[in-house]
């Protein structure tokens, strides 16, 4: 039963007239460039694998991708168990589909992001992180059946504790 947290991955996008995908990460201070007609077949062991993996999955879904410059920035802590990889996968996938003028089914996007992580990056993960990245809402927990992908949002009640101390 995951819940959305107050961290973000944001992408600024500019369309290109060629078939190049340039991804610049503000967090890493690096950029990578790919030819959309000749994407690498496998991972490079680099942060860009998450973005490239979901790019490949979106292309395999039949979406005709457009060349773009992506500026990626986020504050999701890496390696802390807070879904930083799912966050970048979902953000890049959403951005590329939106740029291509495609309607975005959030469950399909979550599944593409999971496939990117499993098949391209090589990290065997379940669907929970990607699903909460697409379906999570503020102040709500996500009750998810990972087998059927049935879900519902449940309100999180704020806990307020007050302590009185006598000296």
Protein backbone atom coordinates (compact mmCIF):
# COMPACT_ATOMS: atom_id res chain seq x y z
CA UNK A 1 0.00 0.00 0.00
CA UNK A 2 2.30 2.77 -1.28
CA UNK A 3 1.63 6.48 -1.07
CA UNK A 4 2.73 9.47 -3.09
CA UNK A 5 5.47 11.52 -1.48
CA UNK A 6 6.43 15.16 -1.87
CA UNK A 7 9.40 14.61 -4.18
CA UNK A 8 9.43 15.24 -7.91
CA UNK A 9 11.09 14.52 -11.22
CA UNK A 10 10.48 17.36 -13.63
CA UNK A 11 11.21 17.50 -17.34
CA UNK A 12 11.39 20.52 -19.61
CA UNK A 13 11.07 19.52 -23.26
CA UNK A 14 11.77 21.16 -26.60
CA UNK A 15 10.87 19.41 -29.84
CA UNK A 16 13.56 18.88 -32.46
CA UNK A 17 13.18 18.54 -36.21
CA UNK A 18 15.60 15.62 -36.40
CA UNK A 19 15.37 12.12 -34.87
CA UNK A 20 17.77 12.81 -31.98
CA UNK A 21 16.93 12.54 -28.30
CA UNK A 22 19.20 14.65 -26.12
CA UNK A 23 18.75 14.16 -22.38
CA UNK A 24 20.46 16.51 -19.94
CA UNK A 25 20.38 15.68 -16.23
CA UNK A 26 20.74 18.62 -13.87
CA UNK A 27 21.30 16.18 -11.01
CA UNK A 28 24.33 14.58 -12.69
CA UNK A 29 25.49 17.56 -14.74
CA UNK A 30 25.70 15.30 -17.79
CA UNK A 31 23.96 14.87 -21.08
CA UNK A 32 23.55 11.98 -23.47
CA UNK A 33 22.31 11.85 -27.03
CA UNK A 34 20.60 9.02 -28.90
CA UNK A 35 19.38 8.42 -32.43
CA UNK A 36 15.71 7.41 -32.21
CA UNK A 37 16.11 5.27 -35.35
CA UNK A 38 19.03 3.35 -33.87
CA UNK A 39 18.57 3.06 -30.09
CA UNK A 40 21.12 0.97 -28.19
CA UNK A 41 20.00 -2.63 -27.66
CA UNK A 42 21.02 -2.77 -24.02
CA UNK A 43 22.06 -0.92 -20.94
CA UNK A 44 25.29 0.97 -20.42
CA UNK A 45 25.27 0.94 -16.61
CA UNK A 46 24.54 4.67 -16.58
CA UNK A 47 21.72 6.82 -15.13
CA UNK A 48 20.44 7.32 -18.67
CA UNK A 49 19.49 3.61 -18.91
CA UNK A 50 16.21 4.35 -17.12
CA UNK A 51 15.28 7.09 -19.61
CA UNK A 52 16.52 5.11 -22.59
CA UNK A 53 14.75 1.94 -21.47
CA UNK A 54 11.36 3.63 -21.28
CA UNK A 55 12.06 5.37 -24.61
CA UNK A 56 12.53 1.92 -26.14
CA UNK A 57 9.33 0.59 -24.54
CA UNK A 58 7.29 3.56 -25.78
CA UNK A 59 8.70 3.05 -29.29
CA UNK A 60 7.90 -0.68 -29.12
CA UNK A 61 4.31 0.18 -28.20
CA UNK A 62 3.88 1.73 -31.64
CA UNK A 63 4.28 5.40 -30.75
CA UNK A 64 6.22 7.32 -33.40
CA UNK A 65 8.66 9.26 -31.26
CA UNK A 66 9.72 12.78 -32.14
CA UNK A 67 13.22 14.14 -31.63
CA UNK A 68 13.51 16.21 -28.46
CA UNK A 69 15.76 17.90 -25.97
CA UNK A 70 14.89 16.88 -22.41
CA UNK A 71 16.10 18.70 -19.32
CA UNK A 72 15.60 16.40 -16.34
CA UNK A 73 15.71 17.55 -12.74
CA UNK A 74 14.46 15.96 -9.58
CA UNK A 75 14.71 15.71 -5.85
CA UNK A 76 13.75 12.07 -5.31
CA UNK A 77 16.60 10.67 -3.20
CA UNK A 78 18.54 7.97 -5.04
CA UNK A 79 19.18 4.64 -3.38
CA UNK A 80 16.82 5.42 -0.51
CA UNK A 81 14.00 3.09 -1.53
CA UNK A 82 11.81 5.97 -2.71
CA UNK A 83 11.40 4.97 -6.37
CA UNK A 84 13.81 7.39 -8.04
CA UNK A 85 14.17 5.03 -11.02
CA UNK A 86 10.39 4.69 -11.42
CA UNK A 87 10.05 8.45 -11.16
CA UNK A 88 12.42 9.12 -14.07
CA UNK A 89 10.93 6.29 -16.16
CA UNK A 90 7.39 7.60 -15.74
CA UNK A 91 8.39 11.24 -16.29
CA UNK A 92 10.30 10.47 -19.50
CA UNK A 93 7.61 8.13 -20.81
CA UNK A 94 4.86 10.65 -20.12
CA UNK A 95 6.86 13.44 -21.75
CA UNK A 96 7.64 11.47 -24.91
CA UNK A 97 4.05 10.29 -25.33
CA UNK A 98 2.68 13.79 -24.77
CA UNK A 99 5.15 15.24 -27.29
CA UNK A 100 4.02 12.62 -29.83
CA UNK A 101 0.41 13.71 -29.27
CA UNK A 102 -0.59 10.34 -27.81
CA UNK A 103 -3.24 9.80 -25.19
CA UNK A 104 -1.66 8.48 -22.04
CA UNK A 105 -3.15 5.49 -20.26
CA UNK A 106 -1.46 5.67 -16.86
CA UNK A 107 -1.63 1.93 -16.22
CA UNK A 108 -0.02 1.19 -19.60
CA UNK A 109 2.64 3.78 -18.85
CA UNK A 110 3.37 2.12 -15.49
CA UNK A 111 3.69 -1.26 -17.23
CA UNK A 112 6.05 0.18 -19.86
CA UNK A 113 8.17 1.73 -17.12
CA UNK A 114 8.31 -1.61 -15.28
CA UNK A 115 9.31 -3.41 -18.49
CA UNK A 116 12.02 -0.82 -19.05
CA UNK A 117 13.46 -1.55 -15.62
CA UNK A 118 13.09 -5.34 -15.93
CA UNK A 119 14.05 -5.92 -19.56
CA UNK A 120 16.33 -3.01 -20.44
CA UNK A 121 17.99 -2.00 -17.17
CA UNK A 122 18.00 -5.56 -15.81
CA UNK A 123 16.57 -4.75 -12.39
CA UNK A 124 13.84 -7.24 -11.55
CA UNK A 125 11.20 -5.17 -9.83
CA UNK A 126 7.48 -5.38 -9.35
CA UNK A 127 4.91 -2.86 -10.51
CA UNK A 128 4.29 -0.99 -7.25
CA UNK A 129 6.82 1.85 -7.67
CA UNK A 130 5.84 2.65 -11.24
CA UNK A 131 2.14 2.33 -10.42
CA UNK A 132 2.24 4.77 -7.53
CA UNK A 133 4.31 7.13 -9.70
CA UNK A 134 1.49 7.21 -12.24
CA UNK A 135 -1.60 6.86 -10.02
CA UNK A 136 -0.56 8.30 -6.65
CA UNK A 137 -2.41 11.28 -5.25
CA UNK A 138 -1.59 13.69 -2.45
CA UNK A 139 -2.79 12.59 1.00
CA UNK A 140 -3.90 9.20 -0.33
CA UNK A 141 -2.55 5.68 -0.04
CA UNK A 142 -2.86 3.36 -3.02
CA UNK A 143 -4.39 -0.01 -2.29
CA UNK A 144 -3.06 -2.06 -5.23
CA UNK A 145 -3.59 -5.68 -6.21
CA UNK A 146 -0.37 -6.33 -8.15
CA UNK A 147 -1.88 -9.39 -9.85
CA UNK A 148 -4.92 -7.73 -11.43
CA UNK A 149 -3.79 -4.08 -11.17
CA UNK A 150 -7.09 -3.24 -9.52
CA UNK A 151 -6.57 -0.32 -7.18
CA UNK A 152 -8.30 2.28 -5.13
CA UNK A 153 -7.16 5.38 -3.35
CA UNK A 154 -7.65 5.60 0.39
CA UNK A 155 -7.41 8.82 2.41
CA UNK A 156 -4.45 9.20 4.71
CA UNK A 157 -5.46 10.88 7.90
CA UNK A 158 -2.99 13.29 9.34
CA UNK A 159 -1.69 12.12 12.69
CA UNK A 160 -1.24 14.87 15.18
CA UNK A 161 0.46 14.13 18.43
CA UNK A 162 0.69 16.45 21.29
CA UNK A 163 2.78 15.93 24.34
CA UNK A 164 2.62 17.79 27.59
CA UNK A 165 5.47 17.72 29.92
CA UNK A 166 5.51 18.83 33.53
CA UNK A 167 8.69 19.94 35.06
